[in-house]
Amino acid sequence: EKLDEAISYYDKCIEINPYFERAHLNIGVCYFAKINLEKSLYHFNTAIKLNPNMYKAHARLGGYYRFISEDDKAVKYFKYSKEKQIKMDMKLSQQYEQRSK
């Protein structure tokens, strides 16, 4: 199955570099798709610990909590994700404006 193959590749990435937050996020998505909630939660949280500004990881964690019907936590992570995304977009916009001067 494709998910198992992806998990295998992400495991290898994490083995080589345990601080690779995107690999943690992506393997968490794979585990979530397989309804392995314990492993998906672990990897989403690890991605956030490695990069607290990773808004996609916060959004995925919101999806996790929505799935298990913990709506208050889901809303918290979705809001936090949106705030992080807005800040990131503003920062990128400012950088673009500075370069175009």
PDB file of N, CA and C in Angstrom:
ATOM      1  N   GLU A   1       0.838  -1.192   0.000  1.00  0.00           N
ATOM      2  CA  GLU A   1       0.000   0.000   0.000  1.00  0.00           C
ATOM      3  C   GLU A   1       0.880   1.253   0.000  1.00  0.00           C
ATOM      4  N   LYS A   2       0.388   2.301  -0.658  1.00  0.00           N
ATOM      5  CA  LYS A   2       1.158   3.548  -0.801  1.00  0.00           C
ATOM      6  C   LYS A   2       1.447   4.204   0.548  1.00  0.00           C
ATOM      7  N   LEU A   3       0.492   4.159   1.464  1.00  0.00           N
ATOM      8  CA  LEU A   3       0.721   4.776   2.782  1.00  0.00           C
ATOM      9  C   LEU A   3       1.860   4.090   3.525  1.00  0.00           C
ATOM     10  N   ASP A   4       1.886   2.773   3.457  1.00  0.00           N
ATOM     11  CA  ASP A   4       2.967   2.034   4.120  1.00  0.00           C
ATOM     12  C   ASP A   4       4.324   2.364   3.505  1.00  0.00           C
ATOM     13  N   GLU A   5       4.337   2.527   2.201  1.00  0.00           N
ATOM     14  CA  GLU A   5       5.577   2.893   1.512  1.00  0.00           C
ATOM     15  C   GLU A   5       6.027   4.294   1.940  1.00  0.00           C
ATOM     16  N   ALA A   6       5.084   5.216   2.004  1.00  0.00           N
ATOM     17  CA  ALA A   6       5.409   6.583   2.438  1.00  0.00           C
ATOM     18  C   ALA A   6       5.915   6.585   3.877  1.00  0.00           C
ATOM     19  N   ILE A   7       5.251   5.830   4.734  1.00  0.00           N
ATOM     20  CA  ILE A   7       5.675   5.741   6.140  1.00  0.00           C
ATOM     21  C   ILE A   7       7.106   5.226   6.222  1.00  0.00           C
ATOM     22  N   SER A   8       7.417   4.235   5.412  1.00  0.00           N
ATOM     23  CA  SER A   8       8.771   3.681   5.397  1.00  0.00           C
ATOM     24  C   SER A   8       9.801   4.746   5.005  1.00  0.00           C
ATOM     25  N   TYR A   9       9.489   5.533   3.992  1.00  0.00           N
ATOM     26  CA  TYR A   9      10.408   6.594   3.564  1.00  0.00           C
ATOM     27  C   TYR A   9      10.559   7.667   4.643  1.00  0.00           C
ATOM     28  N   TYR A  10       9.437   8.083   5.239  1.00  0.00           N
ATOM     29  CA  TYR A  10       9.525   9.106   6.283  1.00  0.00           C
ATOM     30  C   TYR A  10      10.261   8.588   7.512  1.00  0.00           C
ATOM     31  N   ASP A  11      10.073   7.305   7.834  1.00  0.00           N
ATOM     32  CA  ASP A  11      10.832   6.707   8.945  1.00  0.00           C
ATOM     33  C   ASP A  11      12.333   6.808   8.686  1.00  0.00           C
ATOM     34  N   LYS A  12      12.727   6.545   7.449  1.00  0.00           N
ATOM     35  CA  LYS A  12      14.149   6.633   7.090  1.00  0.00           C
ATOM     36  C   LYS A  12      14.647   8.069   7.215  1.00  0.00           C
ATOM     37  N   CYS A  13      13.823   9.013   6.775  1.00  0.00           N
ATOM     38  CA  CYS A  13      14.201  10.432   6.905  1.00  0.00           C
ATOM     39  C   CYS A  13      14.409  10.799   8.371  1.00  0.00           C
ATOM     40  N   ILE A  14      13.480  10.379   9.211  1.00  0.00           N
ATOM     41  CA  ILE A  14      13.549  10.702  10.639  1.00  0.00           C
ATOM     42  C   ILE A  14      14.734   9.999  11.297  1.00  0.00           C
ATOM     43  N   GLU A  15      15.030   8.795  10.825  1.00  0.00           N
ATOM     44  CA  GLU A  15      16.191   8.072  11.350  1.00  0.00           C
ATOM     45  C   GLU A  15      17.473   8.834  11.029  1.00  0.00           C
ATOM     46  N   ILE A  16      17.567   9.375   9.832  1.00  0.00           N
ATOM     47  CA  ILE A  16      18.736  10.151   9.416  1.00  0.00           C
ATOM     48  C   ILE A  16      18.782  11.495  10.132  1.00  0.00           C
ATOM     49  N   ASN A  17      17.613  12.147  10.231  1.00  0.00           N
ATOM     50  CA  ASN A  17      17.538  13.464  10.871  1.00  0.00           C
ATOM     51  C   ASN A  17      16.278  13.553  11.729  1.00  0.00           C
ATOM     52  N   PRO A  18      16.393  13.253  13.017  1.00  0.00           N
ATOM     53  CA  PRO A  18      15.217  13.276  13.891  1.00  0.00           C
ATOM     54  C   PRO A  18      14.615  14.668  14.084  1.00  0.00           C
ATOM     55  N   TYR A  19      15.315  15.698  13.602  1.00  0.00           N
ATOM     56  CA  TYR A  19      14.834  17.083  13.747  1.00  0.00           C
ATOM     57  C   TYR A  19      14.140  17.599  12.478  1.00  0.00           C
ATOM     58  N   PHE A  20      13.861  16.717  11.548  1.00  0.00           N
ATOM     59  CA  PHE A  20      13.223  17.074  10.280  1.00  0.00           C
ATOM     60  C   PHE A  20      11.710  17.163  10.506  1.00  0.00           C
ATOM     61  N   GLU A  21      11.260  18.387  10.834  1.00  0.00           N
ATOM     62  CA  GLU A  21       9.860  18.572  11.251  1.00  0.00           C
ATOM     63  C   GLU A  21       8.860  18.224  10.155  1.00  0.00           C
ATOM     64  N   ARG A  22       9.205  18.471   8.899  1.00  0.00           N
ATOM     65  CA  ARG A  22       8.272  18.149   7.816  1.00  0.00           C
ATOM     66  C   ARG A  22       8.063  16.644   7.693  1.00  0.00           C
ATOM     67  N   ALA A  23       9.100  15.875   7.938  1.00  0.00           N
ATOM     68  CA  ALA A  23       8.955  14.414   7.905  1.00  0.00           C
ATOM     69  C   ALA A  23       8.025  13.960   9.020  1.00  0.00           C
ATOM     70  N   HIS A  24       8.154  14.574  10.201  1.00  0.00           N
ATOM     71  CA  HIS A  24       7.254  14.231  11.301  1.00  0.00           C
ATOM     72  C   HIS A  24       5.809  14.585  10.953  1.00  0.00           C
ATOM     73  N   LEU A  25       5.618  15.764  10.367  1.00  0.00           N
ATOM     74  CA  LEU A  25       4.269  16.161   9.973  1.00  0.00           C
ATOM     75  C   LEU A  25       3.690  15.180   8.948  1.00  0.00           C
ATOM     76  N   ASN A  26       4.465  14.878   7.925  1.00  0.00           N
ATOM     77  CA  ASN A  26       3.960  14.025   6.847  1.00  0.00           C
ATOM     78  C   ASN A  26       3.711  12.591   7.287  1.00  0.00           C
ATOM     79  N   ILE A  27       4.574  12.062   8.147  1.00  0.00           N
ATOM     80  CA  ILE A  27       4.332  10.704   8.623  1.00  0.00           C
ATOM     81  C   ILE A  27       3.102  10.699   9.551  1.00  0.00           C
ATOM     82  N   GLY A  28       2.909  11.797  10.266  1.00  0.00           N
ATOM     83  CA  GLY A  28       1.707  11.924  11.092  1.00  0.00           C
ATOM     84  C   GLY A  28       0.448  11.895  10.243  1.00  0.00           C
ATOM     85  N   VAL A  29       0.487  12.561   9.095  1.00  0.00           N
ATOM     86  CA  VAL A  29      -0.649  12.556   8.165  1.00  0.00           C
ATOM     87  C   VAL A  29      -0.912  11.131   7.668  1.00  0.00           C
ATOM     88  N   CYS A  30       0.152  10.413   7.350  1.00  0.00           N
ATOM     89  CA  CYS A  30       0.003   9.018   6.895  1.00  0.00           C
ATOM     90  C   CYS A  30      -0.622   8.151   7.983  1.00  0.00           C
ATOM     91  N   TYR A  31      -0.120   8.279   9.193  1.00  0.00           N
ATOM     92  CA  TYR A  31      -0.681   7.484  10.290  1.00  0.00           C
ATOM     93  C   TYR A  31      -2.137   7.862  10.563  1.00  0.00           C
ATOM     94  N   PHE A  32      -2.454   9.144  10.439  1.00  0.00           N
ATOM     95  CA  PHE A  32      -3.834   9.567  10.640  1.00  0.00           C
ATOM     96  C   PHE A  32      -4.743   8.934   9.579  1.00  0.00           C
ATOM     97  N   ALA A  33      -4.271   8.890   8.341  1.00  0.00           N
ATOM     98  CA  ALA A  33      -5.046   8.270   7.259  1.00  0.00           C
ATOM     99  C   ALA A  33      -5.280   6.786   7.522  1.00  0.00           C
ATOM    100  N   LYS A  34      -4.352   6.162   8.224  1.00  0.00           N
ATOM    101  CA  LYS A  34      -4.495   4.743   8.579  1.00  0.00           C
ATOM    102  C   LYS A  34      -5.235   4.552   9.912  1.00  0.00           C
ATOM    103  N   ILE A  35      -5.699   5.646  10.486  1.00  0.00           N
ATOM    104  CA  ILE A  35      -6.398   5.677  11.786  1.00  0.00           C
ATOM    105  C   ILE A  35      -5.512   5.112  12.897  1.00  0.00           C
ATOM    106  N   ASN A  36      -4.220   5.386  12.800  1.00  0.00           N
ATOM    107  CA  ASN A  36      -3.305   5.075  13.899  1.00  0.00           C
ATOM    108  C   ASN A  36      -3.142   6.387  14.671  1.00  0.00           C
ATOM    109  N   LEU A  37      -4.090   6.630  15.562  1.00  0.00           N
ATOM    110  CA  LEU A  37      -4.188   7.923  16.224  1.00  0.00           C
ATOM    111  C   LEU A  37      -3.031   8.201  17.169  1.00  0.00           C
ATOM    112  N   GLU A  38      -2.556   7.195  17.847  1.00  0.00           N
ATOM    113  CA  GLU A  38      -1.457   7.386  18.794  1.00  0.00           C
ATOM    114  C   GLU A  38      -0.199   7.871  18.076  1.00  0.00           C
ATOM    115  N   LYS A  39       0.140   7.221  16.983  1.00  0.00           N
ATOM    116  CA  LYS A  39       1.349   7.616  16.244  1.00  0.00           C
ATOM    117  C   LYS A  39       1.158   8.954  15.542  1.00  0.00           C
ATOM    118  N   SER A  40      -0.041   9.207  15.019  1.00  0.00           N
ATOM    119  CA  SER A  40      -0.256  10.497  14.357  1.00  0.00           C
ATOM    120  C   SER A  40      -0.133  11.633  15.364  1.00  0.00           C
ATOM    121  N   LEU A  41      -0.711  11.467  16.545  1.00  0.00           N
ATOM    122  CA  LEU A  41      -0.615  12.492  17.590  1.00  0.00           C
ATOM    123  C   LEU A  41       0.839  12.741  17.978  1.00  0.00           C
ATOM    124  N   TYR A  42       1.599  11.672  18.148  1.00  0.00           N
ATOM    125  CA  TYR A  42       3.008  11.799  18.506  1.00  0.00           C
ATOM    126  C   TYR A  42       3.763  12.637  17.462  1.00  0.00           C
ATOM    127  N   HIS A  43       3.567  12.318  16.198  1.00  0.00           N
ATOM    128  CA  HIS A  43       4.332  13.004  15.151  1.00  0.00           C
ATOM    129  C   HIS A  43       3.846  14.438  14.937  1.00  0.00           C
ATOM    130  N   PHE A  44       2.557  14.703  15.068  1.00  0.00           N
ATOM    131  CA  PHE A  44       2.080  16.088  14.975  1.00  0.00           C
ATOM    132  C   PHE A  44       2.690  16.924  16.096  1.00  0.00           C
ATOM    133  N   ASN A  45       2.672  16.382  17.307  1.00  0.00           N
ATOM    134  CA  ASN A  45       3.256  17.106  18.447  1.00  0.00           C
ATOM    135  C   ASN A  45       4.756  17.292  18.298  1.00  0.00           C
ATOM    136  N   THR A  46       5.429  16.290  17.764  1.00  0.00           N
ATOM    137  CA  THR A  46       6.874  16.399  17.558  1.00  0.00           C
ATOM    138  C   THR A  46       7.191  17.488  16.536  1.00  0.00           C
ATOM    139  N   ALA A  47       6.426  17.545  15.463  1.00  0.00           N
ATOM    140  CA  ALA A  47       6.633  18.590  14.450  1.00  0.00           C
ATOM    141  C   ALA A  47       6.476  19.969  15.080  1.00  0.00           C
ATOM    142  N   ILE A  48       5.475  20.124  15.946  1.00  0.00           N
ATOM    143  CA  ILE A  48       5.247  21.416  16.606  1.00  0.00           C
ATOM    144  C   ILE A  48       6.360  21.734  17.597  1.00  0.00           C
ATOM    145  N   LYS A  49       6.846  20.738  18.311  1.00  0.00           N
ATOM    146  CA  LYS A  49       7.962  20.976  19.239  1.00  0.00           C
ATOM    147  C   LYS A  49       9.207  21.428  18.482  1.00  0.00           C
ATOM    148  N   LEU A  50       9.433  20.838  17.315  1.00  0.00           N
ATOM    149  CA  LEU A  50      10.606  21.185  16.520  1.00  0.00           C
ATOM    150  C   LEU A  50      10.461  22.548  15.845  1.00  0.00           C
ATOM    151  N   ASN A  51       9.230  22.892  15.484  1.00  0.00           N
ATOM    152  CA  ASN A  51       8.986  24.171  14.827  1.00  0.00           C
ATOM    153  C   ASN A  51       7.616  24.698  15.269  1.00  0.00           C
ATOM    154  N   PRO A  52       7.582  25.453  16.357  1.00  0.00           N
ATOM    155  CA  PRO A  52       6.304  25.954  16.883  1.00  0.00           C
ATOM    156  C   PRO A  52       5.539  26.843  15.901  1.00  0.00           C
ATOM    157  N   ASN A  53       6.197  27.370  14.884  1.00  0.00           N
ATOM    158  CA  ASN A  53       5.533  28.224  13.897  1.00  0.00           C
ATOM    159  C   ASN A  53       4.965  27.453  12.711  1.00  0.00           C
ATOM    160  N   MET A  54       5.060  26.145  12.730  1.00  0.00           N
ATOM    161  CA  MET A  54       4.585  25.326  11.615  1.00  0.00           C
ATOM    162  C   MET A  54       3.060  25.230  11.666  1.00  0.00           C
ATOM    163  N   TYR A  55       2.402  26.170  10.972  1.00  0.00           N
ATOM    164  CA  TYR A  55       0.948  26.266  11.082  1.00  0.00           C
ATOM    165  C   TYR A  55       0.235  25.039  10.527  1.00  0.00           C
ATOM    166  N   LYS A  56       0.835  24.359   9.574  1.00  0.00           N
ATOM    167  CA  LYS A  56       0.199  23.157   9.024  1.00  0.00           C
ATOM    168  C   LYS A  56       0.117  22.048  10.080  1.00  0.00           C
ATOM    169  N   ALA A  57       1.115  21.971  10.935  1.00  0.00           N
ATOM    170  CA  ALA A  57       1.086  20.968  12.002  1.00  0.00           C
ATOM    171  C   ALA A  57      -0.012  21.295  13.017  1.00  0.00           C
ATOM    172  N   HIS A  58      -0.182  22.580  13.311  1.00  0.00           N
ATOM    173  CA  HIS A  58      -1.255  22.987  14.223  1.00  0.00           C
ATOM    174  C   HIS A  58      -2.620  22.662  13.614  1.00  0.00           C
ATOM    175  N   ALA A  59      -2.764  22.880  12.310  1.00  0.00           N
ATOM    176  CA  ALA A  59      -4.022  22.570  11.629  1.00  0.00           C
ATOM    177  C   ALA A  59      -4.295  21.068  11.660  1.00  0.00           C
ATOM    178  N   ARG A  60      -3.272  20.279  11.438  1.00  0.00           N
ATOM    179  CA  ARG A  60      -3.442  18.814  11.475  1.00  0.00           C
ATOM    180  C   ARG A  60      -3.828  18.349  12.882  1.00  0.00           C
ATOM    181  N   LEU A  61      -3.227  18.977  13.882  1.00  0.00           N
ATOM    182  CA  LEU A  61      -3.580  18.636  15.255  1.00  0.00           C
ATOM    183  C   LEU A  61      -5.041  19.013  15.532  1.00  0.00           C
ATOM    184  N   GLY A  62      -5.483  20.147  14.974  1.00  0.00           N
ATOM    185  CA  GLY A  62      -6.888  20.517  15.074  1.00  0.00           C
ATOM    186  C   GLY A  62      -7.787  19.464  14.445  1.00  0.00           C
ATOM    187  N   GLY A  63      -7.378  18.957  13.297  1.00  0.00           N
ATOM    188  CA  GLY A  63      -8.137  17.891  12.636  1.00  0.00           C
ATOM    189  C   GLY A  63      -8.181  16.617  13.458  1.00  0.00           C
ATOM    190  N   TYR A  64      -7.062  16.318  14.102  1.00  0.00           N
ATOM    191  CA  TYR A  64      -7.005  15.146  14.993  1.00  0.00           C
ATOM    192  C   TYR A  64      -8.036  15.289  16.116  1.00  0.00           C
ATOM    193  N   TYR A  65      -8.024  16.452  16.776  1.00  0.00           N
ATOM    194  CA  TYR A  65      -8.948  16.648  17.895  1.00  0.00           C
ATOM    195  C   TYR A  65     -10.401  16.709  17.426  1.00  0.00           C
ATOM    196  N   ARG A  66     -10.640  17.228  16.249  1.00  0.00           N
ATOM    197  CA  ARG A  66     -12.001  17.219  15.706  1.00  0.00           C
ATOM    198  C   ARG A  66     -12.446  15.778  15.469  1.00  0.00           C
ATOM    199  N   PHE A  67     -11.543  14.948  14.959  1.00  0.00           N
ATOM    200  CA  PHE A  67     -11.851  13.550  14.671  1.00  0.00           C
ATOM    201  C   PHE A  67     -12.252  12.795  15.939  1.00  0.00           C
ATOM    202  N   ILE A  68     -11.576  13.106  17.046  1.00  0.00           N
ATOM    203  CA  ILE A  68     -11.899  12.395  18.297  1.00  0.00           C
ATOM    204  C   ILE A  68     -12.923  13.158  19.139  1.00  0.00           C
ATOM    205  N   SER A  69     -13.575  14.132  18.518  1.00  0.00           N
ATOM    206  CA  SER A  69     -14.681  14.890  19.124  1.00  0.00           C
ATOM    207  C   SER A  69     -14.280  15.732  20.327  1.00  0.00           C
ATOM    208  N   GLU A  70     -13.054  16.204  20.334  1.00  0.00           N
ATOM    209  CA  GLU A  70     -12.627  17.169  21.346  1.00  0.00           C
ATOM    210  C   GLU A  70     -12.638  18.542  20.692  1.00  0.00           C
ATOM    211  N   ASP A  71     -13.854  19.057  20.527  1.00  0.00           N
ATOM    212  CA  ASP A  71     -14.062  20.255  19.723  1.00  0.00           C
ATOM    213  C   ASP A  71     -13.372  21.497  20.269  1.00  0.00           C
ATOM    214  N   ASP A  72     -13.323  21.654  21.582  1.00  0.00           N
ATOM    215  CA  ASP A  72     -12.655  22.836  22.147  1.00  0.00           C
ATOM    216  C   ASP A  72     -11.177  22.861  21.775  1.00  0.00           C
ATOM    217  N   LYS A  73     -10.524  21.714  21.879  1.00  0.00           N
ATOM    218  CA  LYS A  73      -9.113  21.643  21.497  1.00  0.00           C
ATOM    219  C   LYS A  73      -8.952  21.834  19.991  1.00  0.00           C
ATOM    220  N   ALA A  74      -9.863  21.281  19.222  1.00  0.00           N
ATOM    221  CA  ALA A  74      -9.795  21.435  17.764  1.00  0.00           C
ATOM    222  C   ALA A  74      -9.854  22.905  17.383  1.00  0.00           C
ATOM    223  N   VAL A  75     -10.805  23.624  17.948  1.00  0.00           N
ATOM    224  CA  VAL A  75     -10.960  25.046  17.641  1.00  0.00           C
ATOM    225  C   VAL A  75      -9.702  25.811  18.040  1.00  0.00           C
ATOM    226  N   LYS A  76      -9.152  25.473  19.205  1.00  0.00           N
ATOM    227  CA  LYS A  76      -7.927  26.134  19.685  1.00  0.00           C
ATOM    228  C   LYS A  76      -6.795  25.981  18.666  1.00  0.00           C
ATOM    229  N   TYR A  77      -6.578  24.767  18.185  1.00  0.00           N
ATOM    230  CA  TYR A  77      -5.479  24.526  17.239  1.00  0.00           C
ATOM    231  C   TYR A  77      -5.774  25.107  15.862  1.00  0.00           C
ATOM    232  N   PHE A  78      -7.033  25.080  15.425  1.00  0.00           N
ATOM    233  CA  PHE A  78      -7.372  25.699  14.143  1.00  0.00           C
ATOM    234  C   PHE A  78      -7.150  27.205  14.188  1.00  0.00           C
ATOM    235  N   LYS A  79      -7.560  27.850  15.283  1.00  0.00           N
ATOM    236  CA  LYS A  79      -7.359  29.302  15.420  1.00  0.00           C
ATOM    237  C   LYS A  79      -5.874  29.631  15.456  1.00  0.00           C
ATOM    238  N   TYR A  80      -5.130  28.867  16.223  1.00  0.00           N
ATOM    239  CA  TYR A  80      -3.695  29.101  16.336  1.00  0.00           C
ATOM    240  C   TYR A  80      -3.020  28.932  14.975  1.00  0.00           C
ATOM    241  N   SER A  81      -3.442  27.929  14.231  1.00  0.00           N
ATOM    242  CA  SER A  81      -2.901  27.688  12.901  1.00  0.00           C
ATOM    243  C   SER A  81      -3.169  28.878  11.988  1.00  0.00           C
ATOM    244  N   LYS A  82      -4.375  29.384  12.025  1.00  0.00           N
ATOM    245  CA  LYS A  82      -4.733  30.518  11.179  1.00  0.00           C
ATOM    246  C   LYS A  82      -3.917  31.755  11.546  1.00  0.00           C
ATOM    247  N   GLU A  83      -3.741  31.993  12.843  1.00  0.00           N
ATOM    248  CA  GLU A  83      -2.932  33.131  13.289  1.00  0.00           C
ATOM    249  C   GLU A  83      -1.499  33.002  12.788  1.00  0.00           C
ATOM    250  N   LYS A  84      -0.931  31.816  12.902  1.00  0.00           N
ATOM    251  CA  LYS A  84       0.444  31.582  12.436  1.00  0.00           C
ATOM    252  C   LYS A  84       0.543  31.780  10.924  1.00  0.00           C
ATOM    253  N   GLN A  85      -0.467  31.312  10.206  1.00  0.00           N
ATOM    254  CA  GLN A  85      -0.455  31.454   8.754  1.00  0.00           C
ATOM    255  C   GLN A  85      -0.524  32.924   8.349  1.00  0.00           C
ATOM    256  N   ILE A  86      -1.364  33.694   9.008  1.00  0.00           N
ATOM    257  CA  ILE A  86      -1.483  35.120   8.702  1.00  0.00           C
ATOM    258  C   ILE A  86      -0.156  35.835   8.967  1.00  0.00           C
ATOM    259  N   LYS A  87       0.473  35.536  10.104  1.00  0.00           N
ATOM    260  CA  LYS A  87       1.764  36.156  10.423  1.00  0.00           C
ATOM    261  C   LYS A  87       2.815  35.787   9.377  1.00  0.00           C
ATOM    262  N   MET A  88       2.815  34.521   8.950  1.00  0.00           N
ATOM    263  CA  MET A  88       3.776  34.067   7.948  1.00  0.00           C
ATOM    264  C   MET A  88       3.526  34.775   6.619  1.00  0.00           C
ATOM    265  N   ASP A  89       2.263  34.900   6.226  1.00  0.00           N
ATOM    266  CA  ASP A  89       1.929  35.587   4.978  1.00  0.00           C
ATOM    267  C   ASP A  89       2.356  37.050   5.027  1.00  0.00           C
ATOM    268  N   MET A  90       2.140  37.710   6.164  1.00  0.00           N
ATOM    269  CA  MET A  90       2.544  39.109   6.311  1.00  0.00           C
ATOM    270  C   MET A  90       4.057  39.248   6.207  1.00  0.00           C
ATOM    271  N   LYS A  91       4.765  38.349   6.837  1.00  0.00           N
ATOM    272  CA  LYS A  91       6.226  38.384   6.806  1.00  0.00           C
ATOM    273  C   LYS A  91       6.741  38.186   5.381  1.00  0.00           C
ATOM    274  N   LEU A  92       6.164  37.238   4.668  1.00  0.00           N
ATOM    275  CA  LEU A  92       6.577  37.002   3.284  1.00  0.00           C
ATOM    276  C   LEU A  92       6.257  38.202   2.401  1.00  0.00           C
ATOM    277  N   SER A  93       5.126  38.810   2.649  1.00  0.00           N
ATOM    278  CA  SER A  93       4.733  39.997   1.890  1.00  0.00           C
ATOM    279  C   SER A  93       5.711  41.146   2.117  1.00  0.00           C
ATOM    280  N   GLN A  94       6.117  41.339   3.358  1.00  0.00           N
ATOM    281  CA  GLN A  94       7.087  42.390   3.687  1.00  0.00           C
ATOM    282  C   GLN A  94       8.432  42.114   3.020  1.00  0.00           C
ATOM    283  N   GLN A  95       8.858  40.866   3.032  1.00  0.00           N
ATOM    284  CA  GLN A  95      10.121  40.509   2.393  1.00  0.00           C
ATOM    285  C   GLN A  95      10.060  40.760   0.889  1.00  0.00           C
ATOM    286  N   TYR A  96       8.929  40.444   0.296  1.00  0.00           N
ATOM    287  CA  TYR A  96       8.761  40.665  -1.141  1.00  0.00           C
ATOM    288  C   TYR A  96       8.825  42.152  -1.455  1.00  0.00           C
ATOM    289  N   GLU A  97       8.150  42.963  -0.643  1.00  0.00           N
ATOM    290  CA  GLU A  97       8.156  44.414  -0.856  1.00  0.00           C
ATOM    291  C   GLU A  97       9.568  44.984  -0.736  1.00  0.00           C
ATOM    292  N   GLN A  98      10.338  44.493   0.238  1.00  0.00           N
ATOM    293  CA  GLN A  98      11.704  44.988   0.418  1.00  0.00           C
ATOM    294  C   GLN A  98      12.578  44.629  -0.772  1.00  0.00           C
ATOM    295  N   ARG A  99      12.383  43.466  -1.328  1.00  0.00           N
ATOM    296  CA  ARG A  99      13.204  43.021  -2.471  1.00  0.00           C
ATOM    297  C   ARG A  99      12.852  43.788  -3.742  1.00  0.00           C
ATOM    298  N   SER A 100      11.611  44.219  -3.849  1.00  0.00           N
ATOM    299  CA  SER A 100      11.194  44.887  -5.084  1.00  0.00           C
ATOM    300  C   SER A 100      11.540  46.375  -5.101  1.00  0.00           C
ATOM    301  N   LYS A 101      12.108  46.883  -4.007  1.00  0.00           N
ATOM    302  CA  LYS A 101      12.489  48.302  -3.948  1.00  0.00           C
ATOM    303  C   LYS A 101      13.816  48.539  -4.629  1.00  0.00           C
TER     304      LYS A 101
END
